[in-house]
């Protein structure tokens, strides 16, 4: 009986950053264009990706003057979920309107 050949698994679709070099007989080893590798632990890969992302240059946005009609007259913040009252056509945050009415 001929020896059983191991099936070669290819690492298509797996980012190379999530892999580490390994021997061909390592459990879960896949063949990449750089040789055999295994997938890193998910947590390690996530931490490394987050560190790389935080090291990238951050773009600072210019300060923007918010028009006064976007400011809630109750909380003096930019309105969230703005609603318009039917009685006086004034705009408020939905949560501010409900809290001021006692809901």
Foldseek 3Di string as FASTA:
>chain_A
DDDDDDDAAADPPDDPLQWDDDDPPDPQWHQYPVGIIHGHPPVVSVVVVVVVVVPDDDDDDDDDDDDPLQAAPQPRHRADCWDADPPPRHIHRPVSVCVVVPD
